[in-house]
């Protein structure tokens, strides 16, 4: 269970069901960058900045602290759930980037991704994985824009000025790697017991929504780490290597989640979560796509990799918060809302087409995406004139 990664198809299918159930219980969706933005707002408050008049913070609500909000415990639960799996698998190890430029690249990429995600009112979760099952049109705009953005990002990171000079090392200098003492699983078990006690406390104290968020957050963290789920690789791998495993797994997960979510909406008489479809959705998706490739990971990928000890993702996390906070400032102070958001409107496929046709259209589009991914992986060319499994002699 802990020494091998799990099938991304199974992981994403389970995540799809859990995200639908979480919506049914809390009436909110699995999301992270909204809380990143609130963290940025709190940091500004700590430095004496008055944000009470900022329209974006009014939109996302700043009540309480990150530890008294359900969105807060989704985020911290994901970190803790991922860390649990890393420790139980004895896989935690501090890893420093070989090139110093990676610190700056991670910060810049995280900043652009955070700015773009909040401009679009969601990241790879709220505007993608959990947005599509809510039948919100803005998610499809965001997905297309993110795909284009990741293609541009792949071109940027493939340039020599981005990669820098290769680091040369002497040959025959391989070090004998000692097997790590397996103390990490014991630390993981202690952490698991402590976190379980916290969840029980939330329920016992009548803080049911916090307990639910903490529980689901940990489950999501466990899944993304065990499945190594990263939306960046879902697109980037298509452009760089033709590999489509993550793309297909995420598509499957959204299909499963769409069916379960619609059942919950109809049975529970609930309103789906619908976000604004506007030029900001398109531009935000483009920026997000470029940023996650530059950073080397999306929000979910960043979270579990940071828990594995990949320190380079700390500036990515900081960049995400900074980019989201700058967007919050620019929303009204720089006229972003008036220029790119105001003319849009929230459009939901259930309202426009009816429940049955909304589900049929969603599943057809997801099936088409799955088929395209299969075809792409099978026929991707490594360079001009070369195809998988094909060799050519150069004269």
Protein backbone atom coordinates (compact mmCIF):
# COMPACT_ATOMS: atom_id res chain seq x y z
CA UNK A 1 0.00 0.00 0.00
CA UNK A 2 2.77 2.45 0.88
CA UNK A 3 5.70 1.20 -1.19
CA UNK A 4 3.96 1.39 -4.55
CA UNK A 5 1.98 4.25 -6.07
CA UNK A 6 -1.66 3.63 -6.83
CA UNK A 7 -3.33 3.59 -10.22
CA UNK A 8 -4.15 7.20 -11.20
CA UNK A 9 -7.38 5.94 -12.80
CA UNK A 10 -8.59 4.46 -9.52
CA UNK A 11 -7.37 7.47 -7.55
CA UNK A 12 -9.16 10.00 -9.74
CA UNK A 13 -12.37 7.97 -9.82
CA UNK A 14 -12.40 7.84 -6.01
CA UNK A 15 -11.50 11.56 -5.83
CA UNK A 16 -14.42 12.28 -8.15
CA UNK A 17 -16.85 10.47 -5.85
CA UNK A 18 -15.41 12.10 -2.72
CA UNK A 19 -15.54 15.59 -4.24
CA UNK A 20 -19.22 15.04 -5.12
CA UNK A 21 -19.98 13.82 -1.59
CA UNK A 22 -18.11 16.78 -0.11
CA UNK A 23 -20.29 19.12 -2.16
CA UNK A 24 -23.40 17.28 -1.01
CA UNK A 25 -22.44 17.67 2.64
CA UNK A 26 -21.00 21.20 2.69
CA UNK A 27 -22.56 22.84 -0.42
CA UNK A 28 -19.05 23.95 -1.38
CA UNK A 29 -16.49 22.42 -3.74
CA UNK A 30 -13.00 21.01 -3.29
CA UNK A 31 -10.75 24.02 -3.90
CA UNK A 32 -7.48 25.50 -2.62
CA UNK A 33 -6.47 28.81 -4.23
CA UNK A 34 -9.34 30.73 -2.67
CA UNK A 35 -7.79 29.93 0.71
CA UNK A 36 -4.34 30.86 -0.63
CA UNK A 37 -5.79 34.29 -1.43
CA UNK A 38 -7.26 34.62 2.06
CA UNK A 39 -3.86 33.73 3.52
CA UNK A 40 -2.39 36.57 1.48
CA UNK A 41 -5.06 38.88 2.87
CA UNK A 42 -4.25 37.88 6.45
CA UNK A 43 -0.55 38.48 5.83
CA UNK A 44 -1.36 41.99 4.59
CA UNK A 45 -3.45 42.57 7.73
CA UNK A 46 -0.54 41.44 9.91
CA UNK A 47 1.53 44.18 8.28
CA UNK A 48 -1.15 46.74 9.01
CA UNK A 49 -2.74 46.94 5.55
CA UNK A 50 -6.46 47.73 5.63
CA UNK A 51 -8.12 45.33 3.17
CA UNK A 52 -11.68 45.88 4.38
CA UNK A 53 -12.53 47.84 1.24
CA UNK A 54 -11.01 45.42 -1.28
CA UNK A 55 -13.81 44.02 -3.43
CA UNK A 56 -12.15 40.66 -4.06
CA UNK A 57 -11.79 39.87 -0.37
CA UNK A 58 -15.46 40.73 0.08
CA UNK A 59 -16.25 38.31 -2.76
CA UNK A 60 -14.38 35.36 -1.21
CA UNK A 61 -15.21 36.28 2.43
CA UNK A 62 -12.48 36.78 5.01
CA UNK A 63 -14.42 35.81 8.13
CA UNK A 64 -12.45 33.93 10.79
CA UNK A 65 -9.00 32.44 10.32
CA UNK A 66 -7.64 29.66 8.15
CA UNK A 67 -8.17 27.30 11.11
CA UNK A 68 -11.84 28.22 11.56
CA UNK A 69 -12.85 27.88 7.89
CA UNK A 70 -13.74 24.72 6.01
CA UNK A 71 -11.61 25.85 3.03
CA UNK A 72 -8.70 26.22 5.43
CA UNK A 73 -8.96 22.65 6.66
CA UNK A 74 -9.30 21.33 3.14
CA UNK A 75 -5.87 22.87 2.42
CA UNK A 76 -4.15 21.82 5.66
CA UNK A 77 -5.83 18.43 5.50
CA UNK A 78 -4.37 17.89 2.04
CA UNK A 79 -0.89 18.77 3.27
CA UNK A 80 -1.25 16.44 6.26
CA UNK A 81 -2.78 13.59 4.26
CA UNK A 82 0.03 13.77 1.70
CA UNK A 83 2.65 13.94 4.47
CA UNK A 84 1.14 10.87 6.14
CA UNK A 85 1.57 8.82 2.97
CA UNK A 86 5.12 10.07 2.46
CA UNK A 87 6.09 9.16 6.03
CA UNK A 88 4.36 5.77 6.01
CA UNK A 89 6.21 4.96 2.80
CA UNK A 90 9.50 6.13 4.36
CA UNK A 91 9.87 8.52 1.41
CA UNK A 92 10.54 11.90 3.02
CA UNK A 93 13.88 13.34 2.00
CA UNK A 94 15.06 16.93 1.74
CA UNK A 95 15.78 17.56 -1.93
CA UNK A 96 17.42 20.80 -3.01
CA UNK A 97 17.39 22.02 -6.63
CA UNK A 98 20.70 21.59 -8.46
CA UNK A 99 20.42 24.97 -10.12
CA UNK A 100 19.87 28.13 -8.09
CA UNK A 101 17.74 29.57 -10.89
CA UNK A 102 15.05 27.02 -10.01
CA UNK A 103 14.23 29.04 -6.89
CA UNK A 104 13.42 32.11 -8.96
CA UNK A 105 11.70 30.10 -11.69
CA UNK A 106 9.48 28.39 -9.12
CA UNK A 107 8.58 31.71 -7.52
CA UNK A 108 7.76 33.35 -10.86
CA UNK A 109 5.81 30.33 -12.11
CA UNK A 110 3.86 30.11 -8.86
CA UNK A 111 3.11 33.85 -9.01
CA UNK A 112 1.75 33.67 -12.57
CA UNK A 113 -0.29 30.54 -11.77
CA UNK A 114 -1.76 32.08 -8.62
CA UNK A 115 -2.62 35.32 -10.41
CA UNK A 116 -4.24 33.48 -13.32
CA UNK A 117 -6.16 31.04 -11.12
CA UNK A 118 -7.79 33.78 -9.08
CA UNK A 119 -8.53 35.87 -12.15
CA UNK A 120 -10.48 32.87 -13.44
CA UNK A 121 -12.03 32.30 -9.98
CA UNK A 122 -10.53 28.85 -9.66
CA UNK A 123 -7.49 26.67 -10.27
CA UNK A 124 -7.13 23.09 -11.48
CA UNK A 125 -9.78 22.14 -8.93
CA UNK A 126 -12.61 24.70 -8.71
CA UNK A 127 -12.30 25.76 -12.35
CA UNK A 128 -11.43 22.32 -13.67
CA UNK A 129 -11.85 19.03 -11.79
CA UNK A 130 -14.71 20.13 -9.55
CA UNK A 131 -15.99 22.83 -11.92
CA UNK A 132 -16.96 20.51 -14.78
CA UNK A 133 -19.10 18.25 -12.52
CA UNK A 134 -20.89 21.41 -11.36
CA UNK A 135 -21.82 21.92 -15.03
CA UNK A 136 -20.42 25.46 -15.01
CA UNK A 137 -19.52 26.71 -18.49
CA UNK A 138 -16.55 28.66 -17.15
CA UNK A 139 -14.74 25.35 -16.51
CA UNK A 140 -14.67 24.41 -20.18
CA UNK A 141 -13.29 27.82 -21.12
CA UNK A 142 -10.65 27.43 -18.41
CA UNK A 143 -9.67 23.92 -19.56
CA UNK A 144 -9.12 24.99 -23.19
CA UNK A 145 -7.19 28.07 -22.08
CA UNK A 146 -5.06 26.03 -19.67
CA UNK A 147 -4.20 23.55 -22.43
CA UNK A 148 -3.03 26.39 -24.66
CA UNK A 149 -1.15 27.99 -21.78
CA UNK A 150 0.69 24.78 -20.90
CA UNK A 151 1.74 24.42 -24.55
CA UNK A 152 3.26 27.90 -24.37
CA UNK A 153 4.82 27.09 -21.01
CA UNK A 154 6.38 23.92 -22.43
CA UNK A 155 7.96 26.00 -25.20
CA UNK A 156 9.38 28.43 -22.62
CA UNK A 157 10.92 25.79 -20.34
CA UNK A 158 12.38 24.02 -23.36
CA UNK A 159 14.58 26.97 -24.28
CA UNK A 160 18.28 27.01 -23.42
CA UNK A 161 18.06 30.30 -21.54
CA UNK A 162 15.46 28.76 -19.22
CA UNK A 163 17.35 25.51 -18.69
CA UNK A 164 20.69 27.21 -18.12
CA UNK A 165 24.05 25.53 -18.46
CA UNK A 166 24.23 21.85 -17.59
CA UNK A 167 25.95 20.99 -14.32
CA UNK A 168 29.00 18.84 -15.05
CA UNK A 169 30.25 16.36 -12.48
CA UNK A 170 33.27 14.09 -12.31
CA UNK A 171 32.71 10.56 -13.40
CA UNK A 172 32.89 7.57 -11.07
CA UNK A 173 31.80 9.59 -8.08
CA UNK A 174 28.70 7.62 -7.20
CA UNK A 175 28.16 7.61 -3.48
CA UNK A 176 27.13 4.58 -1.53
CA UNK A 177 23.60 5.27 -0.40
CA UNK A 178 22.86 3.88 3.03
CA UNK A 179 19.39 2.54 3.59
CA UNK A 180 17.42 5.02 5.65
CA UNK A 181 16.38 3.93 9.11
CA UNK A 182 12.65 3.26 8.98
CA UNK A 183 11.63 5.69 11.69
CA UNK A 184 9.40 7.70 9.36
CA UNK A 185 6.48 5.23 9.40
CA UNK A 186 6.33 5.49 13.20
CA UNK A 187 6.24 9.28 12.99
CA UNK A 188 3.52 8.91 10.37
CA UNK A 189 1.44 6.69 12.65
CA UNK A 190 1.74 9.20 15.51
CA UNK A 191 0.71 12.00 13.16
CA UNK A 192 -2.25 9.92 11.91
CA UNK A 193 -3.47 9.29 15.47
CA UNK A 194 -3.07 12.97 16.38
CA UNK A 195 -4.93 14.15 13.29
CA UNK A 196 -7.71 11.60 13.85
CA UNK A 197 -8.05 12.93 17.40
CA UNK A 198 -8.39 16.46 16.01
CA UNK A 199 -11.18 15.37 13.65
CA UNK A 200 -12.98 13.61 16.52
CA UNK A 201 -12.61 16.79 18.61
CA UNK A 202 -14.22 18.89 15.86
CA UNK A 203 -17.26 16.59 15.74
CA UNK A 204 -17.47 16.29 19.54
CA UNK A 205 -17.37 20.09 19.87
CA UNK A 206 -20.21 20.47 17.36
CA UNK A 207 -17.90 21.86 14.66
CA UNK A 208 -19.18 19.35 12.15
CA UNK A 209 -18.23 21.25 9.02
CA UNK A 210 -14.63 21.69 10.21
CA UNK A 211 -14.44 17.99 11.03
CA UNK A 212 -15.81 17.10 7.60
CA UNK A 213 -13.38 19.45 5.85
CA UNK A 214 -10.42 18.12 7.86
CA UNK A 215 -11.43 14.54 7.05
CA UNK A 216 -12.03 15.08 3.33
CA UNK A 217 -8.91 17.25 3.05
CA UNK A 218 -6.77 14.40 4.40
CA UNK A 219 -8.46 11.91 2.06
CA UNK A 220 -7.78 14.18 -0.91
CA UNK A 221 -4.15 14.58 0.22
CA UNK A 222 -3.74 10.82 0.52
CA UNK A 223 -5.13 10.31 -2.98
CA UNK A 224 -3.07 12.97 -4.76
CA UNK A 225 0.16 11.72 -3.17
CA UNK A 226 -0.48 8.03 -3.74
CA UNK A 227 -1.62 8.66 -7.30
CA UNK A 228 1.05 11.33 -7.91
CA UNK A 229 -1.74 13.48 -9.35
CA UNK A 230 -0.54 16.61 -11.10
CA UNK A 231 -2.63 18.53 -13.61
CA UNK A 232 0.55 20.08 -15.01
CA UNK A 233 1.75 16.70 -16.23
CA UNK A 234 -1.70 15.98 -17.67
CA UNK A 235 -1.03 18.69 -20.27
CA UNK A 236 2.75 19.14 -20.27
CA UNK A 237 3.42 15.44 -20.89
CA UNK A 238 1.18 15.58 -23.96
CA UNK A 239 3.33 18.32 -25.51
CA UNK A 240 6.72 17.00 -24.42
CA UNK A 241 6.49 13.20 -24.57
CA UNK A 242 3.00 12.33 -25.81
CA UNK A 243 2.22 10.53 -22.55
CA UNK A 244 -1.47 10.83 -21.72
CA UNK A 245 -1.96 8.64 -18.65
CA UNK A 246 -2.68 11.54 -16.28
CA UNK A 247 -4.91 13.22 -18.86
CA UNK A 248 -7.05 10.11 -19.23
CA UNK A 249 -7.20 9.52 -15.46
CA UNK A 250 -8.37 13.08 -14.73
CA UNK A 251 -10.96 12.86 -17.52
CA UNK A 252 -12.29 9.61 -16.05
CA UNK A 253 -12.46 11.19 -12.61
CA UNK A 254 -14.49 14.14 -13.89
CA UNK A 255 -16.91 11.80 -15.66
CA UNK A 256 -17.52 9.80 -12.48
CA UNK A 257 -17.86 12.98 -10.44
CA UNK A 258 -20.31 14.49 -12.94
CA UNK A 259 -22.70 11.55 -12.61
CA UNK A 260 -22.55 11.43 -8.79
CA UNK A 261 -22.77 15.23 -8.47
CA UNK A 262 -25.88 15.40 -10.67
CA UNK A 263 -27.56 12.72 -8.57
CA UNK A 264 -26.78 14.73 -5.42
CA UNK A 265 -28.05 17.95 -7.01
CA UNK A 266 -31.34 16.35 -8.10
CA UNK A 267 -31.98 14.29 -4.98
CA UNK A 268 -30.95 17.03 -2.58
CA UNK A 269 -32.55 19.88 -4.51
CA UNK A 270 -29.22 21.71 -4.42
CA UNK A 271 -27.99 24.54 -6.60
CA UNK A 272 -24.75 23.79 -8.46
CA UNK A 273 -21.79 26.09 -7.87
CA UNK A 274 -21.55 28.29 -10.97
CA UNK A 275 -18.74 30.76 -11.61
CA UNK A 276 -18.47 33.70 -13.99
CA UNK A 277 -17.77 32.93 -17.64
CA UNK A 278 -15.95 36.00 -18.97
CA UNK A 279 -12.77 37.10 -20.76
CA UNK A 280 -11.07 36.84 -17.36
CA UNK A 281 -11.72 33.07 -17.45
CA UNK A 282 -9.87 32.73 -20.73
CA UNK A 283 -6.96 35.01 -19.80
CA UNK A 284 -6.72 33.51 -16.32
CA UNK A 285 -6.59 30.00 -17.77
CA UNK A 286 -3.83 30.96 -20.19
CA UNK A 287 -1.75 32.49 -17.39
CA UNK A 288 -2.42 29.53 -15.14
CA UNK A 289 -1.28 27.09 -17.83
CA UNK A 290 1.95 28.98 -18.47
CA UNK A 291 2.60 29.40 -14.74
CA UNK A 292 2.19 25.78 -13.68
CA UNK A 293 4.62 24.57 -16.32
CA UNK A 294 7.17 27.23 -15.35
CA UNK A 295 6.71 26.30 -11.69
CA UNK A 296 6.99 22.58 -12.43
CA UNK A 297 3.66 21.71 -10.83
CA UNK A 298 0.08 22.78 -10.24
CA UNK A 299 -1.43 23.42 -6.80
CA UNK A 300 -2.06 19.74 -6.04
CA UNK A 301 1.32 18.66 -7.42
CA UNK A 302 3.06 21.39 -5.45
CA UNK A 303 1.40 20.29 -2.21
CA UNK A 304 2.42 16.63 -2.19
CA UNK A 305 5.88 17.31 -3.63
CA UNK A 306 6.56 19.83 -0.90
CA UNK A 307 5.56 17.18 1.65
CA UNK A 308 8.04 14.78 0.02
CA UNK A 309 10.79 17.26 0.86
CA UNK A 310 11.20 18.91 -2.55
CA UNK A 311 12.13 22.32 -1.16
CA UNK A 312 11.93 24.05 -4.55
CA UNK A 313 8.15 23.93 -4.25
CA UNK A 314 8.23 26.24 -1.22
CA UNK A 315 8.81 29.32 -3.45
CA UNK A 316 6.08 27.95 -5.74
CA UNK A 317 3.70 27.98 -2.75
CA UNK A 318 4.81 31.47 -1.77
CA UNK A 319 4.46 32.61 -5.38
CA UNK A 320 0.92 31.23 -5.52
CA UNK A 321 -0.11 33.23 -2.48
CA UNK A 322 1.64 36.38 -3.74
CA UNK A 323 0.11 36.13 -7.22
CA UNK A 324 -3.38 35.57 -5.85
CA UNK A 325 -2.97 38.53 -3.47
CA UNK A 326 -1.81 40.86 -6.25
CA UNK A 327 -4.86 39.83 -8.28
CA UNK A 328 -7.06 40.66 -5.29
CA UNK A 329 -5.54 44.15 -5.28
CA UNK A 330 -5.88 44.60 -9.04
CA UNK A 331 -9.50 43.36 -9.07
CA UNK A 332 -10.81 46.84 -8.29
CA UNK A 333 -7.73 49.03 -7.80
CA UNK A 334 -6.41 48.33 -11.32
CA UNK A 335 -9.80 47.87 -12.98
CA UNK A 336 -9.50 44.14 -13.75
CA UNK A 337 -13.11 43.49 -12.79
CA UNK A 338 -14.52 46.28 -14.95
CA UNK A 339 -12.31 45.44 -17.92
CA UNK A 340 -12.43 41.62 -17.97
CA UNK A 341 -15.12 40.29 -15.65
CA UNK A 342 -18.08 42.63 -15.47
CA UNK A 343 -19.47 41.82 -18.93
CA UNK A 344 -19.54 38.09 -18.22
CA UNK A 345 -22.16 36.05 -16.43
CA UNK A 346 -22.43 32.71 -14.63
CA UNK A 347 -23.79 30.10 -17.04
CA UNK A 348 -24.79 26.63 -15.92
CA UNK A 349 -25.53 23.83 -18.37
CA UNK A 350 -28.32 22.43 -16.20
CA UNK A 351 -30.17 25.74 -16.35
CA UNK A 352 -29.56 26.16 -20.06
CA UNK A 353 -30.13 22.59 -21.27
CA UNK A 354 -31.84 20.69 -18.50
CA UNK A 355 -30.25 18.07 -16.24
CA UNK A 356 -30.30 15.16 -18.73
CA UNK A 357 -28.82 17.04 -21.66
CA UNK A 358 -26.28 18.79 -19.41
CA UNK A 359 -24.99 15.40 -18.27
CA UNK A 360 -25.06 13.93 -21.79
CA UNK A 361 -23.14 16.87 -23.25
CA UNK A 362 -20.60 16.78 -20.41
CA UNK A 363 -19.99 13.04 -20.78
CA UNK A 364 -19.75 13.33 -24.57
CA UNK A 365 -17.16 16.10 -24.29
CA UNK A 366 -15.18 14.16 -21.68
CA UNK A 367 -15.34 11.00 -23.82
CA UNK A 368 -14.12 12.98 -26.82
CA UNK A 369 -11.25 14.32 -24.74
CA UNK A 370 -10.39 10.79 -23.58
CA UNK A 371 -10.40 9.47 -27.16
CA UNK A 372 -8.24 12.35 -28.38
CA UNK A 373 -5.77 11.67 -25.54
CA UNK A 374 -5.59 7.98 -26.53
CA UNK A 375 -5.08 8.88 -30.18
CA UNK A 376 -2.47 11.51 -29.29
CA UNK A 377 -0.48 9.09 -27.15
CA UNK A 378 -0.55 6.44 -29.85
CA UNK A 379 0.47 8.73 -32.69
CA UNK A 380 2.67 11.34 -31.02
CA UNK A 381 5.81 12.08 -33.00
CA UNK A 382 9.15 12.60 -31.27
CA UNK A 383 10.46 15.23 -33.61
CA UNK A 384 9.68 15.67 -37.30
CA UNK A 385 9.18 12.36 -39.13
CA UNK A 386 9.63 10.13 -36.10
CA UNK A 387 6.87 8.05 -34.63
CA UNK A 388 6.71 5.82 -31.57
CA UNK A 389 8.29 2.47 -32.25
CA UNK A 390 9.89 3.72 -35.46
CA UNK A 391 13.59 3.99 -36.19
CA UNK A 392 15.31 5.74 -39.02
CA UNK A 393 18.90 5.75 -40.16
CA UNK A 394 20.53 9.10 -40.73
CA UNK A 395 22.98 9.08 -43.66
